[in-house]
Amino acid sequence: MKHLFIINPKSGTVSARQRAQVIELIERKATAHRKNIEIVFTQKAGHATELARNAALKNVGVVVAVGGDGTMNEIAKSLINTNTTLGILPMGSGNGLARHLGIPMDGGRAIDRIFQGKTVLIDAGIINTMPFFCTAGFGFDAFVADRFARQPTRGLATYVQTSLTSLSAYEPQNYVVNGEPKKLFAMTFANASQYGNNAYVAPQANASDGLLDLVLLRPFPLFMFPNVSARLFLGSLPRSRFIDTFEASQAVVEAQTNFLIHYDGEPLQLATNRLEVSINPKCLNVIL
């Protein structure tokens, strides 16, 4: 069975030297496991989607996303409802889906898992026809994701700094969620438990249960931001008095202006003020 490794050379905080070491490690592990591999590099946004689609059409056994959640999303959406399995070698800034699935952050152990692990089926969330596999949402998180994407450096420290500097520039907005008016600081649709870096927005989320965890964060005093942030990393966010959570297979949200969203860590400005969110159950094979 062939393994196609698709590497995003711009993912995460890995240097060119470290990336070369990872490629050498992949080749060495493939020889040890007697696996047939091919390694290719993405050249532009969307290239990973094209490469993965072609691989699925050729019935390649496993396509491995070497990068972060954005790279994973580009590849995984081409493998939905195919016989090709997704492998993940986490090299991104947050690696939310890999962490949720228990995939090792150590490169050598992750590659061993790719060659020896078991295959499971997971769900995909859909936000206005766009698949996501970890989290999607709007509000403050999307505002920060958009600013973070413009930073010259990646990583947790940059994300935290971007979040802190965004607080004074962001204003909660009014929305209609499933017909009910609500003023929200942010809302997350969680297929998996975390954004990445072990920031657990929905600790009980299950990526194979046919449901999304919807997390609504109501406006709160800014002096409570450290408390809310700490709960995110301690896995106790649902117990905050500013949080409402429920499970659903679909949701509709309307805003007063066009949505800026995030999905699997990537920001996107939409040309609509309406979100239709749903779940595509057990549609993607993934190696654990």
Foldseek 3Di string as FASTA:
>chain_A
DEEEEEEEPPAAFDDPVNVVVLVVLLVVVCVVLVHHYHYDYDDDPLSLLVVLLVCLVVVHAEYEQEHALSSVLSNQVSFFQTNHAYAYQYRHQFRQVCVLVVQDPDRNSSSVLVSDFDKFFFKWKAKPNRTFQFKKWFALLLVLLVVQVPDPHGHDVSSVVSSVVCVVVGDWFWKQKQNRIATFRMKMWGLTQALGPQQGQHNPHHRAPLKTKIKTFHDDPPVCVVVCRVCRNVVNNCVDPRIDIDIDQKMKMFGPAFTFMDGSSHTDTDRHRMIIMGMGHRGHMYGD
